[in-house]
Amino acid sequence: MTDKPARSPRPQQVYTLLVEVGRRAGDGLPAKATGAALMVYASGVDEDEAVREAVAILKQADMAPLDVTGYGTAGEREAQGHEIGPEERALMDRALAENAVVVAEVTPFYD
């Protein structure tokens, strides 16, 4: 048997995600809303993991995720010219520190 060198774990990063949700009983959205857009900060070793974690958490919260758009890490966003304010940065830091999914904003949709 050969000993494999121990691989160091990949560091967690925080990804900005826009999640569109439909309606589901108990979802907490306003009565006349047809769905919503949620701005979410989710931690993961890569964006795919962050998406999986965010979708799983939202399903546990009786939400019905339909579509997820990833905007990358803070560094990737800044490279694209996005401005990240102190409040947004604090929410990202919280998601990283708690290895969590943080919903920063909910925008209900109405027909």
PDB file of N, CA and C in Angstrom:
ATOM      1  N   MET A   1       0.832  -1.185   0.000  1.00  0.00           N
ATOM      2  CA  MET A   1       0.000   0.000   0.000  1.00  0.00           C
ATOM      3  C   MET A   1       0.873   1.242   0.000  1.00  0.00           C
ATOM      4  N   THR A   2       0.465   2.214  -0.745  1.00  0.00           N
ATOM      5  CA  THR A   2       1.196   3.478  -0.750  1.00  0.00           C
ATOM      6  C   THR A   2       0.384   4.511   0.007  1.00  0.00           C
ATOM      7  N   ASP A   3       1.096   5.331   0.720  1.00  0.00           N
ATOM      8  CA  ASP A   3       0.429   6.410   1.448  1.00  0.00           C
ATOM      9  C   ASP A   3       0.260   7.596   0.518  1.00  0.00           C
ATOM     10  N   LYS A   4      -0.976   8.046   0.378  1.00  0.00           N
ATOM     11  CA  LYS A   4      -1.241   9.238  -0.427  1.00  0.00           C
ATOM     12  C   LYS A   4      -1.016  10.460   0.448  1.00  0.00           C
ATOM     13  N   PRO A   5      -0.421  11.492  -0.117  1.00  0.00           N
ATOM     14  CA  PRO A   5      -0.257  12.712   0.685  1.00  0.00           C
ATOM     15  C   PRO A   5      -1.632  13.293   1.023  1.00  0.00           C
ATOM     16  N   ALA A   6      -1.750  13.769   2.232  1.00  0.00           N
ATOM     17  CA  ALA A   6      -3.017  14.364   2.668  1.00  0.00           C
ATOM     18  C   ALA A   6      -3.288  15.621   1.862  1.00  0.00           C
ATOM     19  N   ARG A   7      -4.476  15.680   1.300  1.00  0.00           N
ATOM     20  CA  ARG A   7      -4.862  16.880   0.548  1.00  0.00           C
ATOM     21  C   ARG A   7      -5.496  17.860   1.507  1.00  0.00           C
ATOM     22  N   SER A   8      -5.091  19.097   1.376  1.00  0.00           N
ATOM     23  CA  SER A   8      -5.713  20.107   2.217  1.00  0.00           C
ATOM     24  C   SER A   8      -7.098  20.410   1.655  1.00  0.00           C
ATOM     25  N   PRO A   9      -8.070  20.615   2.534  1.00  0.00           N
ATOM     26  CA  PRO A   9      -9.417  20.897   2.040  1.00  0.00           C
ATOM     27  C   PRO A   9      -9.448  22.211   1.269  1.00  0.00           C
ATOM     28  N   ARG A  10     -10.300  22.232   0.253  1.00  0.00           N
ATOM     29  CA  ARG A  10     -10.449  23.462  -0.517  1.00  0.00           C
ATOM     30  C   ARG A  10     -11.187  24.473   0.341  1.00  0.00           C
ATOM     31  N   PRO A  11     -10.761  25.718   0.290  1.00  0.00           N
ATOM     32  CA  PRO A  11     -11.405  26.725   1.138  1.00  0.00           C
ATOM     33  C   PRO A  11     -12.823  27.052   0.678  1.00  0.00           C
ATOM     34  N   GLN A  12     -13.662  27.366   1.638  1.00  0.00           N
ATOM     35  CA  GLN A  12     -15.017  27.812   1.351  1.00  0.00           C
ATOM     36  C   GLN A  12     -14.955  29.233   0.807  1.00  0.00           C
ATOM     37  N   GLN A  13     -15.857  29.526  -0.111  1.00  0.00           N
ATOM     38  CA  GLN A  13     -16.014  30.872  -0.631  1.00  0.00           C
ATOM     39  C   GLN A  13     -17.497  31.194  -0.599  1.00  0.00           C
ATOM     40  N   VAL A  14     -17.822  32.455  -0.744  1.00  0.00           N
ATOM     41  CA  VAL A  14     -19.225  32.865  -0.769  1.00  0.00           C
ATOM     42  C   VAL A  14     -19.588  33.283  -2.189  1.00  0.00           C
ATOM     43  N   TYR A  15     -20.706  32.774  -2.652  1.00  0.00           N
ATOM     44  CA  TYR A  15     -21.198  33.054  -3.998  1.00  0.00           C
ATOM     45  C   TYR A  15     -22.501  33.825  -3.910  1.00  0.00           C
ATOM     46  N   THR A  16     -22.661  34.778  -4.818  1.00  0.00           N
ATOM     47  CA  THR A  16     -23.898  35.543  -4.921  1.00  0.00           C
ATOM     48  C   THR A  16     -24.796  34.825  -5.912  1.00  0.00           C
ATOM     49  N   LEU A  17     -26.018  34.508  -5.463  1.00  0.00           N
ATOM     50  CA  LEU A  17     -26.966  33.781  -6.300  1.00  0.00           C
ATOM     51  C   LEU A  17     -28.289  34.524  -6.345  1.00  0.00           C
ATOM     52  N   LEU A  18     -28.926  34.495  -7.500  1.00  0.00           N
ATOM     53  CA  LEU A  18     -30.280  34.999  -7.641  1.00  0.00           C
ATOM     54  C   LEU A  18     -31.165  33.776  -7.866  1.00  0.00           C
ATOM     55  N   VAL A  19     -32.078  33.529  -6.932  1.00  0.00           N
ATOM     56  CA  VAL A  19     -32.927  32.339  -6.995  1.00  0.00           C
ATOM     57  C   VAL A  19     -34.362  32.781  -7.250  1.00  0.00           C
ATOM     58  N   GLU A  20     -34.949  32.263  -8.314  1.00  0.00           N
ATOM     59  CA  GLU A  20     -36.360  32.509  -8.589  1.00  0.00           C
ATOM     60  C   GLU A  20     -37.147  31.358  -7.986  1.00  0.00           C
ATOM     61  N   VAL A  21     -38.201  31.704  -7.253  1.00  0.00           N
ATOM     62  CA  VAL A  21     -39.030  30.681  -6.618  1.00  0.00           C
ATOM     63  C   VAL A  21     -40.476  30.834  -7.060  1.00  0.00           C
ATOM     64  N   GLY A  22     -41.159  29.707  -7.121  1.00  0.00           N
ATOM     65  CA  GLY A  22     -42.593  29.702  -7.384  1.00  0.00           C
ATOM     66  C   GLY A  22     -43.335  29.647  -6.062  1.00  0.00           C
ATOM     67  N   ARG A  23     -44.618  29.358  -6.140  1.00  0.00           N
ATOM     68  CA  ARG A  23     -45.445  29.303  -4.931  1.00  0.00           C
ATOM     69  C   ARG A  23     -45.506  27.884  -4.375  1.00  0.00           C
ATOM     70  N   ARG A  24     -45.605  27.815  -3.063  1.00  0.00           N
ATOM     71  CA  ARG A  24     -45.776  26.566  -2.352  1.00  0.00           C
ATOM     72  C   ARG A  24     -46.461  26.907  -1.037  1.00  0.00           C
ATOM     73  N   ALA A  25     -47.354  26.057  -0.595  1.00  0.00           N
ATOM     74  CA  ALA A  25     -48.048  26.295   0.676  1.00  0.00           C
ATOM     75  C   ALA A  25     -47.020  26.509   1.790  1.00  0.00           C
ATOM     76  N   GLY A  26     -47.221  27.550   2.575  1.00  0.00           N
ATOM     77  CA  GLY A  26     -46.341  27.830   3.704  1.00  0.00           C
ATOM     78  C   GLY A  26     -45.044  28.517   3.345  1.00  0.00           C
ATOM     79  N   ASP A  27     -44.951  29.075   2.124  1.00  0.00           N
ATOM     80  CA  ASP A  27     -43.689  29.685   1.700  1.00  0.00           C
ATOM     81  C   ASP A  27     -43.431  31.067   2.299  1.00  0.00           C
ATOM     82  N   GLY A  28     -44.448  31.673   2.911  1.00  0.00           N
ATOM     83  CA  GLY A  28     -44.254  32.970   3.555  1.00  0.00           C
ATOM     84  C   GLY A  28     -44.315  34.159   2.619  1.00  0.00           C
ATOM     85  N   LEU A  29     -44.581  33.937   1.350  1.00  0.00           N
ATOM     86  CA  LEU A  29     -44.693  35.051   0.405  1.00  0.00           C
ATOM     87  C   LEU A  29     -46.061  35.709   0.553  1.00  0.00           C
ATOM     88  N   PRO A  30     -46.196  36.972   0.130  1.00  0.00           N
ATOM     89  CA  PRO A  30     -47.493  37.639   0.197  1.00  0.00           C
ATOM     90  C   PRO A  30     -48.561  36.840  -0.554  1.00  0.00           C
ATOM     91  N   ALA A  31     -49.795  36.924  -0.084  1.00  0.00           N
ATOM     92  CA  ALA A  31     -50.895  36.108  -0.605  1.00  0.00           C
ATOM     93  C   ALA A  31     -51.080  36.218  -2.109  1.00  0.00           C
ATOM     94  N   LYS A  32     -50.962  37.394  -2.676  1.00  0.00           N
ATOM     95  CA  LYS A  32     -51.228  37.577  -4.112  1.00  0.00           C
ATOM     96  C   LYS A  32     -49.984  37.435  -4.986  1.00  0.00           C
ATOM     97  N   ALA A  33     -48.837  37.167  -4.382  1.00  0.00           N
ATOM     98  CA  ALA A  33     -47.605  36.999  -5.154  1.00  0.00           C
ATOM     99  C   ALA A  33     -47.653  35.694  -5.948  1.00  0.00           C
ATOM    100  N   THR A  34     -47.064  35.721  -7.130  1.00  0.00           N
ATOM    101  CA  THR A  34     -46.998  34.516  -7.957  1.00  0.00           C
ATOM    102  C   THR A  34     -45.652  33.813  -7.810  1.00  0.00           C
ATOM    103  N   GLY A  35     -44.741  34.410  -7.116  1.00  0.00           N
ATOM    104  CA  GLY A  35     -43.397  33.882  -6.896  1.00  0.00           C
ATOM    105  C   GLY A  35     -42.523  35.000  -6.384  1.00  0.00           C
ATOM    106  N   ALA A  36     -41.222  34.790  -6.433  1.00  0.00           N
ATOM    107  CA  ALA A  36     -40.307  35.825  -5.940  1.00  0.00           C
ATOM    108  C   ALA A  36     -38.906  35.590  -6.468  1.00  0.00           C
ATOM    109  N   ALA A  37     -38.102  36.629  -6.359  1.00  0.00           N
ATOM    110  CA  ALA A  37     -36.662  36.543  -6.620  1.00  0.00           C
ATOM    111  C   ALA A  37     -35.966  36.754  -5.283  1.00  0.00           C
ATOM    112  N   LEU A  38     -35.022  35.897  -4.975  1.00  0.00           N
ATOM    113  CA  LEU A  38     -34.271  35.989  -3.726  1.00  0.00           C
ATOM    114  C   LEU A  38     -32.801  36.211  -4.044  1.00  0.00           C
ATOM    115  N   MET A  39     -32.216  37.253  -3.474  1.00  0.00           N
ATOM    116  CA  MET A  39     -30.775  37.457  -3.564  1.00  0.00           C
ATOM    117  C   MET A  39     -30.179  36.716  -2.378  1.00  0.00           C
ATOM    118  N   VAL A  40     -29.294  35.778  -2.671  1.00  0.00           N
ATOM    119  CA  VAL A  40     -28.774  34.863  -1.663  1.00  0.00           C
ATOM    120  C   VAL A  40     -27.252  34.870  -1.697  1.00  0.00           C
ATOM    121  N   TYR A  41     -26.655  34.769  -0.517  1.00  0.00           N
ATOM    122  CA  TYR A  41     -25.214  34.552  -0.400  1.00  0.00           C
ATOM    123  C   TYR A  41     -25.054  33.167   0.201  1.00  0.00           C
ATOM    124  N   ALA A  42     -24.360  32.289  -0.517  1.00  0.00           N
ATOM    125  CA  ALA A  42     -24.209  30.908  -0.077  1.00  0.00           C
ATOM    126  C   ALA A  42     -22.743  30.508  -0.118  1.00  0.00           C
ATOM    127  N   SER A  43     -22.308  29.790   0.901  1.00  0.00           N
ATOM    128  CA  SER A  43     -20.919  29.351   0.942  1.00  0.00           C
ATOM    129  C   SER A  43     -20.789  27.971   0.305  1.00  0.00           C
ATOM    130  N   GLY A  44     -19.601  27.715  -0.219  1.00  0.00           N
ATOM    131  CA  GLY A  44     -19.295  26.427  -0.818  1.00  0.00           C
ATOM    132  C   GLY A  44     -17.877  26.413  -1.330  1.00  0.00           C
ATOM    133  N   VAL A  45     -17.366  25.223  -1.612  1.00  0.00           N
ATOM    134  CA  VAL A  45     -16.009  25.145  -2.159  1.00  0.00           C
ATOM    135  C   VAL A  45     -16.004  25.540  -3.628  1.00  0.00           C
ATOM    136  N   ASP A  46     -17.171  25.478  -4.269  1.00  0.00           N
ATOM    137  CA  ASP A  46     -17.326  25.966  -5.632  1.00  0.00           C
ATOM    138  C   ASP A  46     -18.780  26.409  -5.803  1.00  0.00           C
ATOM    139  N   GLU A  47     -19.069  27.016  -6.944  1.00  0.00           N
ATOM    140  CA  GLU A  47     -20.410  27.559  -7.147  1.00  0.00           C
ATOM    141  C   GLU A  47     -21.469  26.459  -7.206  1.00  0.00           C
ATOM    142  N   ASP A  48     -21.120  25.316  -7.769  1.00  0.00           N
ATOM    143  CA  ASP A  48     -22.088  24.213  -7.831  1.00  0.00           C
ATOM    144  C   ASP A  48     -22.525  23.784  -6.429  1.00  0.00           C
ATOM    145  N   GLU A  49     -21.563  23.676  -5.514  1.00  0.00           N
ATOM    146  CA  GLU A  49     -21.917  23.301  -4.146  1.00  0.00           C
ATOM    147  C   GLU A  49     -22.775  24.379  -3.489  1.00  0.00           C
ATOM    148  N   ALA A  50     -22.438  25.643  -3.710  1.00  0.00           N
ATOM    149  CA  ALA A  50     -23.217  26.746  -3.141  1.00  0.00           C
ATOM    150  C   ALA A  50     -24.657  26.701  -3.649  1.00  0.00           C
ATOM    151  N   VAL A  51     -24.836  26.412  -4.936  1.00  0.00           N
ATOM    152  CA  VAL A  51     -26.180  26.312  -5.512  1.00  0.00           C
ATOM    153  C   VAL A  51     -26.937  25.155  -4.869  1.00  0.00           C
ATOM    154  N   ARG A  52     -26.302  23.986  -4.777  1.00  0.00           N
ATOM    155  CA  ARG A  52     -26.966  22.821  -4.166  1.00  0.00           C
ATOM    156  C   ARG A  52     -27.397  23.118  -2.736  1.00  0.00           C
ATOM    157  N   GLU A  53     -26.516  23.750  -1.968  1.00  0.00           N
ATOM    158  CA  GLU A  53     -26.834  24.079  -0.571  1.00  0.00           C
ATOM    159  C   GLU A  53     -27.991  25.076  -0.493  1.00  0.00           C
ATOM    160  N   ALA A  54     -27.956  26.100  -1.343  1.00  0.00           N
ATOM    161  CA  ALA A  54     -29.013  27.111  -1.319  1.00  0.00           C
ATOM    162  C   ALA A  54     -30.359  26.490  -1.669  1.00  0.00           C
ATOM    163  N   VAL A  55     -30.396  25.669  -2.711  1.00  0.00           N
ATOM    164  CA  VAL A  55     -31.650  25.029  -3.121  1.00  0.00           C
ATOM    165  C   VAL A  55     -32.169  24.115  -2.013  1.00  0.00           C
ATOM    166  N   ALA A  56     -31.286  23.352  -1.395  1.00  0.00           N
ATOM    167  CA  ALA A  56     -31.701  22.445  -0.316  1.00  0.00           C
ATOM    168  C   ALA A  56     -32.287  23.216   0.871  1.00  0.00           C
ATOM    169  N   ILE A  57     -31.641  24.306   1.251  1.00  0.00           N
ATOM    170  CA  ILE A  57     -32.126  25.113   2.381  1.00  0.00           C
ATOM    171  C   ILE A  57     -33.467  25.749   2.049  1.00  0.00           C
ATOM    172  N   LEU A  58     -33.604  26.270   0.842  1.00  0.00           N
ATOM    173  CA  LEU A  58     -34.869  26.903   0.457  1.00  0.00           C
ATOM    174  C   LEU A  58     -36.004  25.880   0.416  1.00  0.00           C
ATOM    175  N   LYS A  59     -35.726  24.676  -0.032  1.00  0.00           N
ATOM    176  CA  LYS A  59     -36.754  23.627  -0.020  1.00  0.00           C
ATOM    177  C   LYS A  59     -37.164  23.289   1.409  1.00  0.00           C
ATOM    178  N   GLN A  60     -36.197  23.247   2.325  1.00  0.00           N
ATOM    179  CA  GLN A  60     -36.512  22.996   3.735  1.00  0.00           C
ATOM    180  C   GLN A  60     -37.384  24.102   4.312  1.00  0.00           C
ATOM    181  N   ALA A  61     -37.274  25.299   3.754  1.00  0.00           N
ATOM    182  CA  ALA A  61     -38.059  26.449   4.221  1.00  0.00           C
ATOM    183  C   ALA A  61     -39.384  26.564   3.456  1.00  0.00           C
ATOM    184  N   ASP A  62     -39.814  25.483   2.822  1.00  0.00           N
ATOM    185  CA  ASP A  62     -41.070  25.431   2.068  1.00  0.00           C
ATOM    186  C   ASP A  62     -41.102  26.381   0.875  1.00  0.00           C
ATOM    187  N   MET A  63     -39.949  26.702   0.324  1.00  0.00           N
ATOM    188  CA  MET A  63     -39.882  27.499  -0.901  1.00  0.00           C
ATOM    189  C   MET A  63     -39.808  26.524  -2.082  1.00  0.00           C
ATOM    190  N   ALA A  64     -40.113  27.022  -3.274  1.00  0.00           N
ATOM    191  CA  ALA A  64     -40.093  26.195  -4.479  1.00  0.00           C
ATOM    192  C   ALA A  64     -39.118  26.778  -5.496  1.00  0.00           C
ATOM    193  N   PRO A  65     -37.801  26.509  -5.356  1.00  0.00           N
ATOM    194  CA  PRO A  65     -36.819  27.058  -6.290  1.00  0.00           C
ATOM    195  C   PRO A  65     -37.081  26.580  -7.718  1.00  0.00           C
ATOM    196  N   LEU A  66     -37.051  27.526  -8.655  1.00  0.00           N
ATOM    197  CA  LEU A  66     -37.280  27.217 -10.066  1.00  0.00           C
ATOM    198  C   LEU A  66     -36.015  27.397 -10.899  1.00  0.00           C
ATOM    199  N   ASP A  67     -35.247  28.444 -10.596  1.00  0.00           N
ATOM    200  CA  ASP A  67     -34.072  28.775 -11.393  1.00  0.00           C
ATOM    201  C   ASP A  67     -33.051  29.490 -10.516  1.00  0.00           C
ATOM    202  N   VAL A  68     -31.770  29.223 -10.763  1.00  0.00           N
ATOM    203  CA  VAL A  68     -30.692  29.875 -10.016  1.00  0.00           C
ATOM    204  C   VAL A  68     -29.704  30.463 -11.016  1.00  0.00           C
ATOM    205  N   THR A  69     -29.379  31.736 -10.819  1.00  0.00           N
ATOM    206  CA  THR A  69     -28.351  32.405 -11.615  1.00  0.00           C
ATOM    207  C   THR A  69     -27.206  32.757 -10.678  1.00  0.00           C
ATOM    208  N   GLY A  70     -26.002  32.317 -11.020  1.00  0.00           N
ATOM    209  CA  GLY A  70     -24.832  32.597 -10.201  1.00  0.00           C
ATOM    210  C   GLY A  70     -24.101  33.828 -10.697  1.00  0.00           C
ATOM    211  N   TYR A  71     -23.669  34.672  -9.754  1.00  0.00           N
ATOM    212  CA  TYR A  71     -22.914  35.877 -10.095  1.00  0.00           C
ATOM    213  C   TYR A  71     -21.474  35.803  -9.607  1.00  0.00           C
ATOM    214  N   GLY A  72     -21.079  34.671  -9.020  1.00  0.00           N
ATOM    215  CA  GLY A  72     -19.696  34.471  -8.609  1.00  0.00           C
ATOM    216  C   GLY A  72     -19.383  34.964  -7.216  1.00  0.00           C
ATOM    217  N   THR A  73     -18.097  34.945  -6.907  1.00  0.00           N
ATOM    218  CA  THR A  73     -17.603  35.394  -5.606  1.00  0.00           C
ATOM    219  C   THR A  73     -17.486  36.911  -5.612  1.00  0.00           C
ATOM    220  N   ALA A  74     -17.211  37.480  -4.448  1.00  0.00           N
ATOM    221  CA  ALA A  74     -17.029  38.933  -4.356  1.00  0.00           C
ATOM    222  C   ALA A  74     -15.903  39.383  -5.282  1.00  0.00           C
ATOM    223  N   GLY A  75     -14.808  38.633  -5.291  1.00  0.00           N
ATOM    224  CA  GLY A  75     -13.682  38.988  -6.156  1.00  0.00           C
ATOM    225  C   GLY A  75     -14.042  38.945  -7.629  1.00  0.00           C
ATOM    226  N   GLU A  76     -14.802  37.933  -8.024  1.00  0.00           N
ATOM    227  CA  GLU A  76     -15.225  37.828  -9.420  1.00  0.00           C
ATOM    228  C   GLU A  76     -16.170  38.973  -9.784  1.00  0.00           C
ATOM    229  N   ARG A  77     -17.060  39.302  -8.880  1.00  0.00           N
ATOM    230  CA  ARG A  77     -17.996  40.402  -9.129  1.00  0.00           C
ATOM    231  C   ARG A  77     -17.257  41.732  -9.246  1.00  0.00           C
ATOM    232  N   GLU A  78     -16.300  41.967  -8.346  1.00  0.00           N
ATOM    233  CA  GLU A  78     -15.534  43.221  -8.396  1.00  0.00           C
ATOM    234  C   GLU A  78     -14.741  43.316  -9.702  1.00  0.00           C
ATOM    235  N   ALA A  79     -14.233  42.183 -10.180  1.00  0.00           N
ATOM    236  CA  ALA A  79     -13.499  42.181 -11.450  1.00  0.00           C
ATOM    237  C   ALA A  79     -14.409  42.548 -12.621  1.00  0.00           C
ATOM    238  N   GLN A  80     -15.712  42.307 -12.463  1.00  0.00           N
ATOM    239  CA  GLN A  80     -16.697  42.650 -13.495  1.00  0.00           C
ATOM    240  C   GLN A  80     -17.220  44.074 -13.327  1.00  0.00           C
ATOM    241  N   GLY A  81     -16.747  44.767 -12.295  1.00  0.00           N
ATOM    242  CA  GLY A  81     -17.153  46.151 -12.086  1.00  0.00           C
ATOM    243  C   GLY A  81     -18.288  46.345 -11.097  1.00  0.00           C
ATOM    244  N   HIS A  82     -18.725  45.281 -10.435  1.00  0.00           N
ATOM    245  CA  HIS A  82     -19.788  45.419  -9.431  1.00  0.00           C
ATOM    246  C   HIS A  82     -19.233  46.118  -8.195  1.00  0.00           C
ATOM    247  N   GLU A  83     -20.027  46.981  -7.622  1.00  0.00           N
ATOM    248  CA  GLU A  83     -19.664  47.610  -6.354  1.00  0.00           C
ATOM    249  C   GLU A  83     -20.314  46.817  -5.237  1.00  0.00           C
ATOM    250  N   ILE A  84     -19.533  46.503  -4.214  1.00  0.00           N
ATOM    251  CA  ILE A  84     -20.045  45.746  -3.073  1.00  0.00           C
ATOM    252  C   ILE A  84     -19.921  46.638  -1.851  1.00  0.00           C
ATOM    253  N   GLY A  85     -21.075  47.048  -1.321  1.00  0.00           N
ATOM    254  CA  GLY A  85     -21.096  47.941  -0.170  1.00  0.00           C
ATOM    255  C   GLY A  85     -20.841  47.209   1.132  1.00  0.00           C
ATOM    256  N   PRO A  86     -20.673  47.969   2.217  1.00  0.00           N
ATOM    257  CA  PRO A  86     -20.356  47.361   3.506  1.00  0.00           C
ATOM    258  C   PRO A  86     -21.449  46.433   4.042  1.00  0.00           C
ATOM    259  N   GLU A  87     -22.721  46.760   3.815  1.00  0.00           N
ATOM    260  CA  GLU A  87     -23.798  45.893   4.296  1.00  0.00           C
ATOM    261  C   GLU A  87     -23.785  44.555   3.568  1.00  0.00           C
ATOM    262  N   GLU A  88     -23.601  44.621   2.253  1.00  0.00           N
ATOM    263  CA  GLU A  88     -23.541  43.395   1.452  1.00  0.00           C
ATOM    264  C   GLU A  88     -22.320  42.570   1.851  1.00  0.00           C
ATOM    265  N   ARG A  89     -21.188  43.236   2.041  1.00  0.00           N
ATOM    266  CA  ARG A  89     -19.957  42.550   2.456  1.00  0.00           C
ATOM    267  C   ARG A  89     -20.161  41.867   3.819  1.00  0.00           C
ATOM    268  N   ALA A  90     -20.871  42.529   4.739  1.00  0.00           N
ATOM    269  CA  ALA A  90     -21.125  41.944   6.063  1.00  0.00           C
ATOM    270  C   ALA A  90     -21.969  40.667   5.944  1.00  0.00           C
ATOM    271  N   LEU A  91     -22.963  40.676   5.044  1.00  0.00           N
ATOM    272  CA  LEU A  91     -23.776  39.476   4.849  1.00  0.00           C
ATOM    273  C   LEU A  91     -22.948  38.348   4.241  1.00  0.00           C
ATOM    274  N   MET A  92     -22.061  38.692   3.325  1.00  0.00           N
ATOM    275  CA  MET A  92     -21.173  37.681   2.741  1.00  0.00           C
ATOM    276  C   MET A  92     -20.245  37.100   3.810  1.00  0.00           C
ATOM    277  N   ASP A  93     -19.698  37.974   4.647  1.00  0.00           N
ATOM    278  CA  ASP A  93     -18.814  37.519   5.724  1.00  0.00           C
ATOM    279  C   ASP A  93     -19.562  36.592   6.684  1.00  0.00           C
ATOM    280  N   ARG A  94     -20.825  36.924   6.958  1.00  0.00           N
ATOM    281  CA  ARG A  94     -21.648  36.080   7.834  1.00  0.00           C
ATOM    282  C   ARG A  94     -21.871  34.703   7.210  1.00  0.00           C
ATOM    283  N   ALA A  95     -22.187  34.672   5.910  1.00  0.00           N
ATOM    284  CA  ALA A  95     -22.395  33.393   5.224  1.00  0.00           C
ATOM    285  C   ALA A  95     -21.133  32.534   5.297  1.00  0.00           C
ATOM    286  N   LEU A  96     -19.974  33.157   5.148  1.00  0.00           N
ATOM    287  CA  LEU A  96     -18.716  32.420   5.211  1.00  0.00           C
ATOM    288  C   LEU A  96     -18.430  31.940   6.632  1.00  0.00           C
ATOM    289  N   ALA A  97     -18.569  32.828   7.603  1.00  0.00           N
ATOM    290  CA  ALA A  97     -18.268  32.484   8.994  1.00  0.00           C
ATOM    291  C   ALA A  97     -19.168  31.369   9.519  1.00  0.00           C
ATOM    292  N   GLU A  98     -20.430  31.384   9.092  1.00  0.00           N
ATOM    293  CA  GLU A  98     -21.403  30.402   9.587  1.00  0.00           C
ATOM    294  C   GLU A  98     -21.582  29.226   8.633  1.00  0.00           C
ATOM    295  N   ASN A  99     -20.822  29.221   7.512  1.00  0.00           N
ATOM    296  CA  ASN A  99     -20.987  28.192   6.475  1.00  0.00           C
ATOM    297  C   ASN A  99     -22.472  28.036   6.180  1.00  0.00           C
ATOM    298  N   ALA A 100     -23.089  29.156   5.797  1.00  0.00           N
ATOM    299  CA  ALA A 100     -24.541  29.228   5.722  1.00  0.00           C
ATOM    300  C   ALA A 100     -25.025  29.804   4.401  1.00  0.00           C
ATOM    301  N   VAL A 101     -26.347  29.766   4.270  1.00  0.00           N
ATOM    302  CA  VAL A 101     -27.047  30.425   3.176  1.00  0.00           C
ATOM    303  C   VAL A 101     -27.772  31.611   3.784  1.00  0.00           C
ATOM    304  N   VAL A 102     -27.472  32.808   3.315  1.00  0.00           N
ATOM    305  CA  VAL A 102     -28.084  34.025   3.840  1.00  0.00           C
ATOM    306  C   VAL A 102     -28.947  34.645   2.743  1.00  0.00           C
ATOM    307  N   VAL A 103     -30.239  34.803   3.028  1.00  0.00           N
ATOM    308  CA  VAL A 103     -31.136  35.471   2.090  1.00  0.00           C
ATOM    309  C   VAL A 103     -31.060  36.958   2.391  1.00  0.00           C
ATOM    310  N   ALA A 104     -30.551  37.729   1.429  1.00  0.00           N
ATOM    311  CA  ALA A 104     -30.331  39.151   1.643  1.00  0.00           C
ATOM    312  C   ALA A 104     -31.529  39.985   1.236  1.00  0.00           C
ATOM    313  N   GLU A 105     -32.287  39.523   0.241  1.00  0.00           N
ATOM    314  CA  GLU A 105     -33.395  40.326  -0.271  1.00  0.00           C
ATOM    315  C   GLU A 105     -34.426  39.408  -0.921  1.00  0.00           C
ATOM    316  N   VAL A 106     -35.699  39.735  -0.719  1.00  0.00           N
ATOM    317  CA  VAL A 106     -36.799  38.999  -1.344  1.00  0.00           C
ATOM    318  C   VAL A 106     -37.653  40.005  -2.104  1.00  0.00           C
ATOM    319  N   THR A 107     -37.838  39.760  -3.391  1.00  0.00           N
ATOM    320  CA  THR A 107     -38.676  40.621  -4.229  1.00  0.00           C
ATOM    321  C   THR A 107     -39.839  39.790  -4.777  1.00  0.00           C
ATOM    322  N   PRO A 108     -41.040  39.957  -4.218  1.00  0.00           N
ATOM    323  CA  PRO A 108     -42.182  39.178  -4.713  1.00  0.00           C
ATOM    324  C   PRO A 108     -42.553  39.586  -6.135  1.00  0.00           C
ATOM    325  N   PHE A 109     -43.092  38.621  -6.883  1.00  0.00           N
ATOM    326  CA  PHE A 109     -43.610  38.851  -8.232  1.00  0.00           C
ATOM    327  C   PHE A 109     -45.127  38.868  -8.181  1.00  0.00           C
ATOM    328  N   TYR A 110     -45.718  39.767  -8.941  1.00  0.00           N
ATOM    329  CA  TYR A 110     -47.180  39.841  -9.070  1.00  0.00           C
ATOM    330  C   TYR A 110     -47.522  39.869 -10.555  1.00  0.00           C
ATOM    331  N   ASP A 111     -48.612  39.210 -10.942  1.00  0.00           N
ATOM    332  CA  ASP A 111     -49.046  39.257 -12.347  1.00  0.00           C
ATOM    333  C   ASP A 111     -49.894  40.457 -12.600  1.00  0.00           C
TER     334      ASP A 111
END
